[in-house]
PDB file of N, CA and C in Angstrom:
ATOM      1  N   MET A   1     -28.195  18.203  98.152  1.00  0.00           N
ATOM      2  CA  MET A   1     -28.432  16.847  98.586  1.00  0.00           C
ATOM      3  C   MET A   1     -28.011  15.895  97.475  1.00  0.00           C
ATOM      4  N   PRO A   2     -27.509  14.735  97.836  1.00  0.00           N
ATOM      5  CA  PRO A   2     -27.110  13.765  96.817  1.00  0.00           C
ATOM      6  C   PRO A   2     -28.309  13.343  95.968  1.00  0.00           C
ATOM      7  N   ASP A   3     -28.013  12.913  94.753  1.00  0.00           N
ATOM      8  CA  ASP A   3     -29.077  12.448  93.867  1.00  0.00           C
ATOM      9  C   ASP A   3     -29.835  11.291  94.504  1.00  0.00           C
ATOM     10  N   GLY A   4     -31.147  11.297  94.300  1.00  0.00           N
ATOM     11  CA  GLY A   4     -31.980  10.197  94.776  1.00  0.00           C
ATOM     12  C   GLY A   4     -32.355  10.269  96.242  1.00  0.00           C
ATOM     13  N   THR A   5     -31.985  11.326  96.946  1.00  0.00           N
ATOM     14  CA  THR A   5     -32.361  11.433  98.357  1.00  0.00           C
ATOM     15  C   THR A   5     -33.450  12.482  98.501  1.00  0.00           C
ATOM     16  N   GLN A   6     -34.203  12.345  99.547  1.00  0.00           N
ATOM     17  CA  GLN A   6     -35.258  13.296  99.835  1.00  0.00           C
ATOM     18  C   GLN A   6     -35.060  13.840 101.234  1.00  0.00           C
ATOM     19  N   MET A   7     -35.417  15.093 101.400  1.00  0.00           N
ATOM     20  CA  MET A   7     -35.371  15.682 102.726  1.00  0.00           C
ATOM     21  C   MET A   7     -36.754  15.556 103.345  1.00  0.00           C
ATOM     22  N   ARG A   8     -36.797  15.029 104.519  1.00  0.00           N
ATOM     23  CA  ARG A   8     -38.054  14.921 105.246  1.00  0.00           C
ATOM     24  C   ARG A   8     -37.838  15.510 106.638  1.00  0.00           C
ATOM     25  N   ILE A   9     -38.819  16.220 107.091  1.00  0.00           N
ATOM     26  CA  ILE A   9     -38.772  16.761 108.446  1.00  0.00           C
ATOM     27  C   ILE A   9     -39.812  16.018 109.272  1.00  0.00           C
ATOM     28  N   GLU A  10     -39.354  15.434 110.341  1.00  0.00           N
ATOM     29  CA  GLU A  10     -40.241  14.697 111.232  1.00  0.00           C
ATOM     30  C   GLU A  10     -41.267  15.653 111.824  1.00  0.00           C
ATOM     31  N   PRO A  11     -42.530  15.240 111.871  1.00  0.00           N
ATOM     32  CA  PRO A  11     -43.547  16.133 112.458  1.00  0.00           C
ATOM     33  C   PRO A  11     -43.147  16.565 113.875  1.00  0.00           C
ATOM     34  N   GLY A  12     -43.229  17.836 114.119  1.00  0.00           N
ATOM     35  CA  GLY A  12     -42.920  18.381 115.440  1.00  0.00           C
ATOM     36  C   GLY A  12     -41.447  18.686 115.668  1.00  0.00           C
ATOM     37  N   ALA A  13     -40.577  18.330 114.713  1.00  0.00           N
ATOM     38  CA  ALA A  13     -39.137  18.535 114.911  1.00  0.00           C
ATOM     39  C   ALA A  13     -38.796  20.021 115.036  1.00  0.00           C
ATOM     40  N   ALA A  14     -39.365  20.836 114.176  1.00  0.00           N
ATOM     41  CA  ALA A  14     -39.061  22.269 114.224  1.00  0.00           C
ATOM     42  C   ALA A  14     -39.478  22.867 115.574  1.00  0.00           C
ATOM     43  N   GLU A  15     -40.630  22.455 116.069  1.00  0.00           N
ATOM     44  CA  GLU A  15     -41.094  22.981 117.365  1.00  0.00           C
ATOM     45  C   GLU A  15     -40.186  22.527 118.502  1.00  0.00           C
ATOM     46  N   ARG A  16     -39.736  21.277 118.455  1.00  0.00           N
ATOM     47  CA  ARG A  16     -38.837  20.797 119.512  1.00  0.00           C
ATOM     48  C   ARG A  16     -37.509  21.556 119.493  1.00  0.00           C
ATOM     49  N   ILE A  17     -37.004  21.838 118.308  1.00  0.00           N
ATOM     50  CA  ILE A  17     -35.762  22.606 118.200  1.00  0.00           C
ATOM     51  C   ILE A  17     -35.989  24.031 118.706  1.00  0.00           C
ATOM     52  N   ALA A  18     -37.102  24.641 118.314  1.00  0.00           N
ATOM     53  CA  ALA A  18     -37.419  25.997 118.769  1.00  0.00           C
ATOM     54  C   ALA A  18     -37.554  26.039 120.290  1.00  0.00           C
ATOM     55  N   GLN A  19     -38.164  25.014 120.872  1.00  0.00           N
ATOM     56  CA  GLN A  19     -38.296  24.965 122.331  1.00  0.00           C
ATOM     57  C   GLN A  19     -36.926  24.872 123.006  1.00  0.00           C
ATOM     58  N   ALA A  20     -35.996  24.152 122.387  1.00  0.00           N
ATOM     59  CA  ALA A  20     -34.641  24.070 122.946  1.00  0.00           C
ATOM     60  C   ALA A  20     -33.984  25.453 122.922  1.00  0.00           C
ATOM     61  N   PHE A  21     -34.187  26.202 121.834  1.00  0.00           N
ATOM     62  CA  PHE A  21     -33.665  27.572 121.773  1.00  0.00           C
ATOM     63  C   PHE A  21     -34.324  28.441 122.849  1.00  0.00           C
ATOM     64  N   ASP A  22     -35.630  28.277 123.042  1.00  0.00           N
ATOM     65  CA  ASP A  22     -36.331  29.038 124.084  1.00  0.00           C
ATOM     66  C   ASP A  22     -35.763  28.731 125.468  1.00  0.00           C
ATOM     67  N   ARG A  23     -35.519  27.450 125.752  1.00  0.00           N
ATOM     68  CA  ARG A  23     -34.943  27.073 127.059  1.00  0.00           C
ATOM     69  C   ARG A  23     -33.557  27.685 127.231  1.00  0.00           C
ATOM     70  N   HIS A  24     -32.778  27.672 126.162  1.00  0.00           N
ATOM     71  CA  HIS A  24     -31.435  28.272 126.227  1.00  0.00           C
ATOM     72  C   HIS A  24     -31.543  29.773 126.521  1.00  0.00           C
ATOM     73  N   ALA A  25     -32.452  30.453 125.839  1.00  0.00           N
ATOM     74  CA  ALA A  25     -32.649  31.891 126.080  1.00  0.00           C
ATOM     75  C   ALA A  25     -33.101  32.140 127.516  1.00  0.00           C
ATOM     76  N   ASP A  26     -33.987  31.300 128.028  1.00  0.00           N
ATOM     77  CA  ASP A  26     -34.436  31.438 129.422  1.00  0.00           C
ATOM     78  C   ASP A  26     -33.270  31.268 130.392  1.00  0.00           C
ATOM     79  N   ASN A  27     -32.383  30.302 130.093  1.00  0.00           N
ATOM     80  CA  ASN A  27     -31.209  30.089 130.947  1.00  0.00           C
ATOM     81  C   ASN A  27     -30.272  31.292 130.908  1.00  0.00           C
ATOM     82  N   LEU A  28     -30.061  31.839 129.721  1.00  0.00           N
ATOM     83  CA  LEU A  28     -29.224  33.038 129.603  1.00  0.00           C
ATOM     84  C   LEU A  28     -29.833  34.213 130.365  1.00  0.00           C
ATOM     85  N   ALA A  29     -31.155  34.345 130.298  1.00  0.00           N
ATOM     86  CA  ALA A  29     -31.832  35.429 131.017  1.00  0.00           C
ATOM     87  C   ALA A  29     -31.659  35.258 132.524  1.00  0.00           C
ATOM     88  N   ALA A  30     -31.717  34.020 133.013  1.00  0.00           N
ATOM     89  CA  ALA A  30     -31.524  33.774 134.447  1.00  0.00           C
ATOM     90  C   ALA A  30     -30.100  34.150 134.869  1.00  0.00           C
ATOM     91  N   VAL A  31     -29.126  33.822 134.049  1.00  0.00           N
ATOM     92  CA  VAL A  31     -27.733  34.192 134.344  1.00  0.00           C
ATOM     93  C   VAL A  31     -27.600  35.717 134.371  1.00  0.00           C
ATOM     94  N   SER A  32     -28.222  36.378 133.415  1.00  0.00           N
ATOM     95  CA  SER A  32     -28.160  37.841 133.354  1.00  0.00           C
ATOM     96  C   SER A  32     -28.775  38.468 134.604  1.00  0.00           C
ATOM     97  N   ARG A  33     -29.913  37.940 135.048  1.00  0.00           N
ATOM     98  CA  ARG A  33     -30.557  38.481 136.265  1.00  0.00           C
ATOM     99  C   ARG A  33     -29.664  38.284 137.490  1.00  0.00           C
ATOM    100  N   ARG A  34     -29.033  37.115 137.596  1.00  0.00           N
ATOM    101  CA  ARG A  34     -28.127  36.874 138.740  1.00  0.00           C
ATOM    102  C   ARG A  34     -26.950  37.843 138.699  1.00  0.00           C
ATOM    103  N   LEU A  35     -26.436  38.088 137.510  1.00  0.00           N
ATOM    104  CA  LEU A  35     -25.311  39.014 137.365  1.00  0.00           C
ATOM    105  C   LEU A  35     -25.728  40.436 137.719  1.00  0.00           C
ATOM    106  N   GLU A  36     -26.950  40.825 137.339  1.00  0.00           N
ATOM    107  CA  GLU A  36     -27.448  42.168 137.676  1.00  0.00           C
ATOM    108  C   GLU A  36     -27.558  42.354 139.192  1.00  0.00           C
ATOM    109  N   ARG A  37     -27.939  41.277 139.900  1.00  0.00           N
ATOM    110  CA  ARG A  37     -28.133  41.374 141.358  1.00  0.00           C
ATOM    111  C   ARG A  37     -26.826  41.229 142.135  1.00  0.00           C
ATOM    112  N   ALA A  38     -25.810  40.735 141.482  1.00  0.00           N
ATOM    113  CA  ALA A  38     -24.548  40.467 142.176  1.00  0.00           C
ATOM    114  C   ALA A  38     -23.872  41.780 142.561  1.00  0.00           C
ATOM    115  N   GLY A  39     -23.336  41.800 143.749  1.00  0.00           N
ATOM    116  CA  GLY A  39     -22.558  42.963 144.198  1.00  0.00           C
ATOM    117  C   GLY A  39     -21.081  42.660 144.018  1.00  0.00           C
ATOM    118  N   HIS A  40     -20.293  43.687 143.948  1.00  0.00           N
ATOM    119  CA  HIS A  40     -18.856  43.517 143.780  1.00  0.00           C
ATOM    120  C   HIS A  40     -18.166  44.191 144.959  1.00  0.00           C
ATOM    121  N   SER A  41     -17.392  43.414 145.673  1.00  0.00           N
ATOM    122  CA  SER A  41     -16.648  43.948 146.804  1.00  0.00           C
ATOM    123  C   SER A  41     -15.168  43.700 146.569  1.00  0.00           C
ATOM    124  N   THR A  42     -14.388  44.726 146.743  1.00  0.00           N
ATOM    125  CA  THR A  42     -12.943  44.592 146.542  1.00  0.00           C
ATOM    126  C   THR A  42     -12.231  44.173 147.819  1.00  0.00           C
ATOM    127  N   GLY A  43     -12.850  44.415 148.956  1.00  0.00           N
ATOM    128  CA  GLY A  43     -12.200  44.073 150.214  1.00  0.00           C
ATOM    129  C   GLY A  43     -11.195  45.115 150.679  1.00  0.00           C
ATOM    130  N   PHE A  44     -11.030  46.186 149.934  1.00  0.00           N
ATOM    131  CA  PHE A  44     -10.077  47.227 150.293  1.00  0.00           C
ATOM    132  C   PHE A  44     -10.763  48.590 150.359  1.00  0.00           C
ATOM    133  N   ALA A  45     -11.889  48.620 151.006  1.00  0.00           N
ATOM    134  CA  ALA A  45     -12.661  49.866 151.078  1.00  0.00           C
ATOM    135  C   ALA A  45     -11.805  50.998 151.613  1.00  0.00           C
ATOM    136  N   GLY A  46     -11.979  52.159 151.025  1.00  0.00           N
ATOM    137  CA  GLY A  46     -11.266  53.333 151.481  1.00  0.00           C
ATOM    138  C   GLY A  46     -10.038  53.667 150.660  1.00  0.00           C
ATOM    139  N   PHE A  47      -9.508  52.705 149.945  1.00  0.00           N
ATOM    140  CA  PHE A  47      -8.344  52.986 149.112  1.00  0.00           C
ATOM    141  C   PHE A  47      -8.808  53.394 147.711  1.00  0.00           C
ATOM    142  N   PRO A  48      -8.084  54.339 147.092  1.00  0.00           N
ATOM    143  CA  PRO A  48      -8.458  54.738 145.725  1.00  0.00           C
ATOM    144  C   PRO A  48      -8.462  53.559 144.753  1.00  0.00           C
ATOM    145  N   SER A  49      -7.523  52.650 144.923  1.00  0.00           N
ATOM    146  CA  SER A  49      -7.470  51.499 144.021  1.00  0.00           C
ATOM    147  C   SER A  49      -8.712  50.616 144.178  1.00  0.00           C
ATOM    148  N   ALA A  50      -9.290  50.609 145.393  1.00  0.00           N
ATOM    149  CA  ALA A  50     -10.510  49.829 145.619  1.00  0.00           C
ATOM    150  C   ALA A  50     -11.646  50.410 144.802  1.00  0.00           C
ATOM    151  N   ASP A  51     -11.730  51.733 144.750  1.00  0.00           N
ATOM    152  CA  ASP A  51     -12.769  52.370 143.939  1.00  0.00           C
ATOM    153  C   ASP A  51     -12.566  52.049 142.458  1.00  0.00           C
ATOM    154  N   GLU A  52     -11.309  52.038 142.027  1.00  0.00           N
ATOM    155  CA  GLU A  52     -11.013  51.720 140.624  1.00  0.00           C
ATOM    156  C   GLU A  52     -11.387  50.270 140.309  1.00  0.00           C
ATOM    157  N   LEU A  53     -11.046  49.373 141.230  1.00  0.00           N
ATOM    158  CA  LEU A  53     -11.415  47.967 141.034  1.00  0.00           C
ATOM    159  C   LEU A  53     -12.934  47.803 140.976  1.00  0.00           C
ATOM    160  N   HIS A  54     -13.617  48.455 141.900  1.00  0.00           N
ATOM    161  CA  HIS A  54     -15.076  48.362 141.925  1.00  0.00           C
ATOM    162  C   HIS A  54     -15.667  48.881 140.610  1.00  0.00           C
ATOM    163  N   ALA A  55     -15.170  50.009 140.123  1.00  0.00           N
ATOM    164  CA  ALA A  55     -15.657  50.561 138.861  1.00  0.00           C
ATOM    165  C   ALA A  55     -15.362  49.596 137.709  1.00  0.00           C
ATOM    166  N   GLY A  56     -14.189  48.982 137.726  1.00  0.00           N
ATOM    167  CA  GLY A  56     -13.822  48.027 136.677  1.00  0.00           C
ATOM    168  C   GLY A  56     -14.725  46.805 136.667  1.00  0.00           C
ATOM    169  N   PHE A  57     -14.970  46.250 137.866  1.00  0.00           N
ATOM    170  CA  PHE A  57     -15.843  45.075 137.953  1.00  0.00           C
ATOM    171  C   PHE A  57     -17.284  45.428 137.573  1.00  0.00           C
ATOM    172  N   THR A  58     -17.727  46.596 137.978  1.00  0.00           N
ATOM    173  CA  THR A  58     -19.078  47.037 137.628  1.00  0.00           C
ATOM    174  C   THR A  58     -19.213  47.178 136.115  1.00  0.00           C
ATOM    175  N   ASN A  59     -18.193  47.734 135.478  1.00  0.00           N
ATOM    176  CA  ASN A  59     -18.221  47.888 134.016  1.00  0.00           C
ATOM    177  C   ASN A  59     -18.207  46.527 133.326  1.00  0.00           C
ATOM    178  N   LYS A  60     -17.383  45.602 133.808  1.00  0.00           N
ATOM    179  CA  LYS A  60     -17.340  44.259 133.227  1.00  0.00           C
ATOM    180  C   LYS A  60     -18.693  43.572 133.354  1.00  0.00           C
ATOM    181  N   ALA A  61     -19.334  43.724 134.486  1.00  0.00           N
ATOM    182  CA  ALA A  61     -20.662  43.130 134.673  1.00  0.00           C
ATOM    183  C   ALA A  61     -21.664  43.753 133.710  1.00  0.00           C
ATOM    184  N   ARG A  62     -21.601  45.070 133.545  1.00  0.00           N
ATOM    185  CA  ARG A  62     -22.514  45.765 132.626  1.00  0.00           C
ATOM    186  C   ARG A  62     -22.316  45.266 131.199  1.00  0.00           C
ATOM    187  N   LEU A  63     -21.057  45.120 130.786  1.00  0.00           N
ATOM    188  CA  LEU A  63     -20.761  44.616 129.445  1.00  0.00           C
ATOM    189  C   LEU A  63     -21.234  43.172 129.269  1.00  0.00           C
ATOM    190  N   ALA A  64     -21.028  42.355 130.291  1.00  0.00           N
ATOM    191  CA  ALA A  64     -21.466  40.957 130.225  1.00  0.00           C
ATOM    192  C   ALA A  64     -22.987  40.866 130.114  1.00  0.00           C
ATOM    193  N   ILE A  65     -23.686  41.693 130.877  1.00  0.00           N
ATOM    194  CA  ILE A  65     -25.154  41.704 130.826  1.00  0.00           C
ATOM    195  C   ILE A  65     -25.616  42.120 129.431  1.00  0.00           C
ATOM    196  N   GLY A  66     -24.971  43.117 128.854  1.00  0.00           N
ATOM    197  CA  GLY A  66     -25.307  43.539 127.492  1.00  0.00           C
ATOM    198  C   GLY A  66     -25.078  42.423 126.484  1.00  0.00           C
ATOM    199  N   HIS A  67     -23.958  41.716 126.626  1.00  0.00           N
ATOM    200  CA  HIS A  67     -23.658  40.608 125.724  1.00  0.00           C
ATOM    201  C   HIS A  67     -24.683  39.484 125.896  1.00  0.00           C
ATOM    202  N   LEU A  68     -25.016  39.179 127.137  1.00  0.00           N
ATOM    203  CA  LEU A  68     -26.029  38.149 127.382  1.00  0.00           C
ATOM    204  C   LEU A  68     -27.364  38.533 126.741  1.00  0.00           C
ATOM    205  N   GLN A  69     -27.744  39.798 126.830  1.00  0.00           N
ATOM    206  CA  GLN A  69     -29.000  40.237 126.234  1.00  0.00           C
ATOM    207  C   GLN A  69     -28.970  40.070 124.718  1.00  0.00           C
ATOM    208  N   GLU A  70     -27.830  40.371 124.106  1.00  0.00           N
ATOM    209  CA  GLU A  70     -27.690  40.157 122.660  1.00  0.00           C
ATOM    210  C   GLU A  70     -27.883  38.682 122.322  1.00  0.00           C
ATOM    211  N   GLN A  71     -27.290  37.805 123.129  1.00  0.00           N
ATOM    212  CA  GLN A  71     -27.420  36.366 122.898  1.00  0.00           C
ATOM    213  C   GLN A  71     -28.859  35.895 123.110  1.00  0.00           C
ATOM    214  N   ILE A  72     -29.523  36.444 124.109  1.00  0.00           N
ATOM    215  CA  ILE A  72     -30.934  36.102 124.366  1.00  0.00           C
ATOM    216  C   ILE A  72     -31.784  36.503 123.166  1.00  0.00           C
ATOM    217  N   ASP A  73     -31.594  37.716 122.680  1.00  0.00           N
ATOM    218  CA  ASP A  73     -32.371  38.201 121.533  1.00  0.00           C
ATOM    219  C   ASP A  73     -32.113  37.337 120.295  1.00  0.00           C
ATOM    220  N   LEU A  74     -30.853  37.024 120.037  1.00  0.00           N
ATOM    221  CA  LEU A  74     -30.493  36.203 118.889  1.00  0.00           C
ATOM    222  C   LEU A  74     -31.110  34.811 118.996  1.00  0.00           C
ATOM    223  N   THR A  75     -31.037  34.226 120.176  1.00  0.00           N
ATOM    224  CA  THR A  75     -31.574  32.888 120.390  1.00  0.00           C
ATOM    225  C   THR A  75     -33.089  32.871 120.202  1.00  0.00           C
ATOM    226  N   ARG A  76     -33.775  33.888 120.698  1.00  0.00           N
ATOM    227  CA  ARG A  76     -35.234  33.958 120.516  1.00  0.00           C
ATOM    228  C   ARG A  76     -35.591  34.161 119.034  1.00  0.00           C
ATOM    229  N   ARG A  77     -34.777  34.942 118.317  1.00  0.00           N
ATOM    230  CA  ARG A  77     -35.023  35.104 116.874  1.00  0.00           C
ATOM    231  C   ARG A  77     -34.851  33.777 116.144  1.00  0.00           C
ATOM    232  N   HIS A  78     -33.831  33.013 116.525  1.00  0.00           N
ATOM    233  CA  HIS A  78     -33.633  31.698 115.906  1.00  0.00           C
ATOM    234  C   HIS A  78     -34.835  30.800 116.168  1.00  0.00           C
ATOM    235  N   ALA A  79     -35.342  30.811 117.388  1.00  0.00           N
ATOM    236  CA  ALA A  79     -36.518  29.992 117.706  1.00  0.00           C
ATOM    237  C   ALA A  79     -37.696  30.385 116.822  1.00  0.00           C
ATOM    238  N   ALA A  80     -37.927  31.671 116.659  1.00  0.00           N
ATOM    239  CA  ALA A  80     -39.040  32.139 115.826  1.00  0.00           C
ATOM    240  C   ALA A  80     -38.830  31.749 114.360  1.00  0.00           C
ATOM    241  N   GLU A  81     -37.591  31.863 113.878  1.00  0.00           N
ATOM    242  CA  GLU A  81     -37.306  31.500 112.490  1.00  0.00           C
ATOM    243  C   GLU A  81     -37.489  30.006 112.248  1.00  0.00           C
ATOM    244  N   ILE A  82     -37.086  29.192 113.200  1.00  0.00           N
ATOM    245  CA  ILE A  82     -37.256  27.744 113.059  1.00  0.00           C
ATOM    246  C   ILE A  82     -38.739  27.384 113.069  1.00  0.00           C
ATOM    247  N   ARG A  83     -39.503  28.034 113.942  1.00  0.00           N
ATOM    248  CA  ARG A  83     -40.950  27.794 113.941  1.00  0.00           C
ATOM    249  C   ARG A  83     -41.567  28.179 112.596  1.00  0.00           C
ATOM    250  N   ALA A  84     -41.164  29.328 112.070  1.00  0.00           N
ATOM    251  CA  ALA A  84     -41.698  29.784 110.777  1.00  0.00           C
ATOM    252  C   ALA A  84     -41.301  28.815 109.663  1.00  0.00           C
ATOM    253  N   ALA A  85     -40.064  28.343 109.679  1.00  0.00           N
ATOM    254  CA  ALA A  85     -39.618  27.398 108.653  1.00  0.00           C
ATOM    255  C   ALA A  85     -40.401  26.093 108.753  1.00  0.00           C
ATOM    256  N   GLY A  86     -40.640  25.629 109.973  1.00  0.00           N
ATOM    257  CA  GLY A  86     -41.421  24.407 110.164  1.00  0.00           C
ATOM    258  C   GLY A  86     -42.848  24.566 109.656  1.00  0.00           C
ATOM    259  N   ALA A  87     -43.444  25.713 109.943  1.00  0.00           N
ATOM    260  CA  ALA A  87     -44.809  25.976 109.476  1.00  0.00           C
ATOM    261  C   ALA A  87     -44.841  26.069 107.950  1.00  0.00           C
ATOM    262  N   ALA A  88     -43.845  26.717 107.360  1.00  0.00           N
ATOM    263  CA  ALA A  88     -43.788  26.830 105.894  1.00  0.00           C
ATOM    264  C   ALA A  88     -43.603  25.458 105.253  1.00  0.00           C
ATOM    265  N   TYR A  89     -42.793  24.617 105.868  1.00  0.00           N
ATOM    266  CA  TYR A  89     -42.582  23.261 105.352  1.00  0.00           C
ATOM    267  C   TYR A  89     -43.892  22.480 105.368  1.00  0.00           C
ATOM    268  N   ILE A  90     -44.602  22.551 106.480  1.00  0.00           N
ATOM    269  CA  ILE A  90     -45.884  21.836 106.594  1.00  0.00           C
ATOM    270  C   ILE A  90     -46.881  22.358 105.570  1.00  0.00           C
ATOM    271  N   GLU A  91     -46.952  23.680 105.426  1.00  0.00           N
ATOM    272  CA  GLU A  91     -47.882  24.278 104.468  1.00  0.00           C
ATOM    273  C   GLU A  91     -47.543  23.864 103.038  1.00  0.00           C
ATOM    274  N   THR A  92     -46.272  23.907 102.690  1.00  0.00           N
ATOM    275  CA  THR A  92     -45.845  23.522 101.341  1.00  0.00           C
ATOM    276  C   THR A  92     -46.111  22.050 101.086  1.00  0.00           C
ATOM    277  N   ASP A  93     -45.806  21.215 102.059  1.00  0.00           N
ATOM    278  CA  ASP A  93     -46.043  19.784 101.920  1.00  0.00           C
ATOM    279  C   ASP A  93     -47.529  19.499 101.733  1.00  0.00           C
ATOM    280  N   SER A  94     -48.363  20.183 102.496  1.00  0.00           N
ATOM    281  CA  SER A  94     -49.812  20.009 102.391  1.00  0.00           C
ATOM    282  C   SER A  94     -50.327  20.483 101.032  1.00  0.00           C
ATOM    283  N   THR A  95     -49.852  21.641 100.595  1.00  0.00           N
ATOM    284  CA  THR A  95     -50.252  22.182  99.288  1.00  0.00           C
ATOM    285  C   THR A  95     -49.839  21.232  98.167  1.00  0.00           C
ATOM    286  N   ASN A  96     -48.608  20.729  98.239  1.00  0.00           N
ATOM    287  CA  ASN A  96     -48.131  19.800  97.211  1.00  0.00           C
ATOM    288  C   ASN A  96     -48.947  18.523  97.202  1.00  0.00           C
ATOM    289  N   SER A  97     -49.271  17.998  98.359  1.00  0.00           N
ATOM    290  CA  SER A  97     -50.094  16.782  98.430  1.00  0.00           C
ATOM    291  C   SER A  97     -51.461  17.015  97.819  1.00  0.00           C
ATOM    292  N   THR A  98     -52.048  18.166  98.114  1.00  0.00           N
ATOM    293  CA  THR A  98     -53.361  18.502  97.548  1.00  0.00           C
ATOM    294  C   THR A  98     -53.273  18.607  96.030  1.00  0.00           C
ATOM    295  N   MET A  99     -52.253  19.281  95.543  1.00  0.00           N
ATOM    296  CA  MET A  99     -52.098  19.446  94.099  1.00  0.00           C
ATOM    297  C   MET A  99     -51.863  18.111  93.397  1.00  0.00           C
ATOM    298  N   ILE A 100     -51.087  17.245  93.987  1.00  0.00           N
ATOM    299  CA  ILE A 100     -50.849  15.926  93.407  1.00  0.00           C
ATOM    300  C   ILE A 100     -52.153  15.131  93.378  1.00  0.00           C
ATOM    301  N   GLY A 101     -52.911  15.206  94.465  1.00  0.00           N
ATOM    302  CA  GLY A 101     -54.203  14.521  94.509  1.00  0.00           C
ATOM    303  C   GLY A 101     -55.160  15.039  93.454  1.00  0.00           C
ATOM    304  N   GLU A 102     -55.208  16.353  93.300  1.00  0.00           N
ATOM    305  CA  GLU A 102     -56.098  16.945  92.293  1.00  0.00           C
ATOM    306  C   GLU A 102     -55.645  16.583  90.888  1.00  0.00           C
ATOM    307  N   ALA A 103     -54.342  16.578  90.652  1.00  0.00           N
ATOM    308  CA  ALA A 103     -53.827  16.202  89.331  1.00  0.00           C
ATOM    309  C   ALA A 103     -54.161  14.742  89.013  1.00  0.00           C
ATOM    310  N   GLY A 104     -54.043  13.897  90.015  1.00  0.00           N
ATOM    311  CA  GLY A 104     -54.369  12.485  89.820  1.00  0.00           C
ATOM    312  C   GLY A 104     -55.837  12.284  89.531  1.00  0.00           C
ATOM    313  N   SER A 105     -56.687  13.065  90.174  1.00  0.00           N
ATOM    314  CA  SER A 105     -58.138  12.985  89.938  1.00  0.00           C
ATOM    315  C   SER A 105     -58.520  13.494  88.554  1.00  0.00           C
ATOM    316  N   ALA A 106     -57.747  14.421  88.036  1.00  0.00           N
ATOM    317  CA  ALA A 106     -58.049  15.016  86.748  1.00  0.00           C
ATOM    318  C   ALA A 106     -57.655  14.130  85.572  1.00  0.00           C
ATOM    319  N   VAL A 107     -56.804  13.147  85.835  1.00  0.00           N
ATOM    320  CA  VAL A 107     -56.376  12.262  84.754  1.00  0.00           C
ATOM    321  C   VAL A 107     -57.501  11.284  84.453  1.00  0.00           C
ATOM    322  N   SER A 108     -57.883  11.250  83.173  1.00  0.00           N
ATOM    323  CA  SER A 108     -58.974  10.371  82.722  1.00  0.00           C
ATOM    324  C   SER A 108     -58.435   8.948  82.539  1.00  0.00           C
ATOM    325  N   PRO A 109     -59.236   7.932  82.866  1.00  0.00           N
ATOM    326  CA  PRO A 109     -58.800   6.545  82.650  1.00  0.00           C
ATOM    327  C   PRO A 109     -58.547   6.277  81.175  1.00  0.00           C
ATOM    328  N   ASP A 110     -59.109   7.092  80.278  1.00  0.00           N
ATOM    329  CA  ASP A 110     -58.939   6.890  78.844  1.00  0.00           C
ATOM    330  C   ASP A 110     -57.577   7.342  78.354  1.00  0.00           C
ATOM    331  N   THR A 111     -56.801   8.032  79.209  1.00  0.00           N
ATOM    332  CA  THR A 111     -55.514   8.571  78.760  1.00  0.00           C
ATOM    333  C   THR A 111     -54.357   7.649  79.098  1.00  0.00           C
ATOM    334  N   GLY A 112     -54.636   6.425  79.406  1.00  0.00           N
ATOM    335  CA  GLY A 112     -53.573   5.475  79.739  1.00  0.00           C
ATOM    336  C   GLY A 112     -52.633   5.271  78.576  1.00  0.00           C
ATOM    337  N   SER A 113     -51.468   4.731  78.852  1.00  0.00           N
ATOM    338  CA  SER A 113     -50.491   4.523  77.792  1.00  0.00           C
ATOM    339  C   SER A 113     -50.948   3.390  76.879  1.00  0.00           C
ATOM    340  N   GLY A 114     -50.586   3.495  75.663  1.00  0.00           N
ATOM    341  CA  GLY A 114     -51.150   2.610  74.702  1.00  0.00           C
ATOM    342  C   GLY A 114     -50.263   1.640  74.159  1.00  0.00           C
TER     343      GLY A 114
END
């Protein structure tokens, strides 16, 4: 950060960001469920090439579902990490405020600059 600047996190910002990640993961999960339920029809039943096409589309759907699950897991991990970072920030800020207050209380009025 540039000299003279401070980083501040708005109260509740980490939770709002984590909730956005949760919504994204929920949306990905809904897409994955729709893909799992989707059937694949080649329109050429009875031909060997139709069976090959069906197998190909089924495999592509399986791979897509696997990829979506990876994205869902990653997105949920990000949400948890952001929540943890927000909680750590609040805890550190609170601890620092307490320590500053205690240090200020410990300073005797007799120790002023002379």
